[in-house]
């Protein structure tokens, strides 16, 4: 009986650990989730969803900028890249980008894996070392972290440089 309870508790903890990226107490998470719903409305043929998503994304970017007052702040870069991508998706030639925005937001909201953040890590101002196939593989395949992928990258670089002789 006790073993069954322990197994049940272990299974519950593992299940909760897999859902740790559903941050119901975070206003930021809820705004991304709302944008995702609005994009689904837009993809179902209602343009109002796209405009509503744009308003929420712009508001989120503005609040992020007002709070930190730096465009170079990594979360602000993610928000601005998302807004830029969304603006591009409003051009009829690039309307297919709405699908990639929705797919990326599903990954970010449900699983914590943000493709835009990983793409931004490829830019030189966000990297410590030159771009290489190994770094590209690390950026793509690194597991989801509690903080941002940028923090994980800098932490990995600190650990790697600790053992080097200067």
Foldseek 3Di string as FASTA:
>chain_A
DVVVVVVVVVVVVVVCVQQVLQCVVDPVLVLLVQLLVLLVVVVVPDCVSLVVSLVSLVVVLVVVCVVVVDCPPLVNVLSVVLNVLSVQCVPVVNVCSSVVSNVQSCCCNGRVQHPSSLVVCQDPVLDDDHDDPVVNCCSVPPHHDPDGVSVVRVVVVVVVCVPDDD
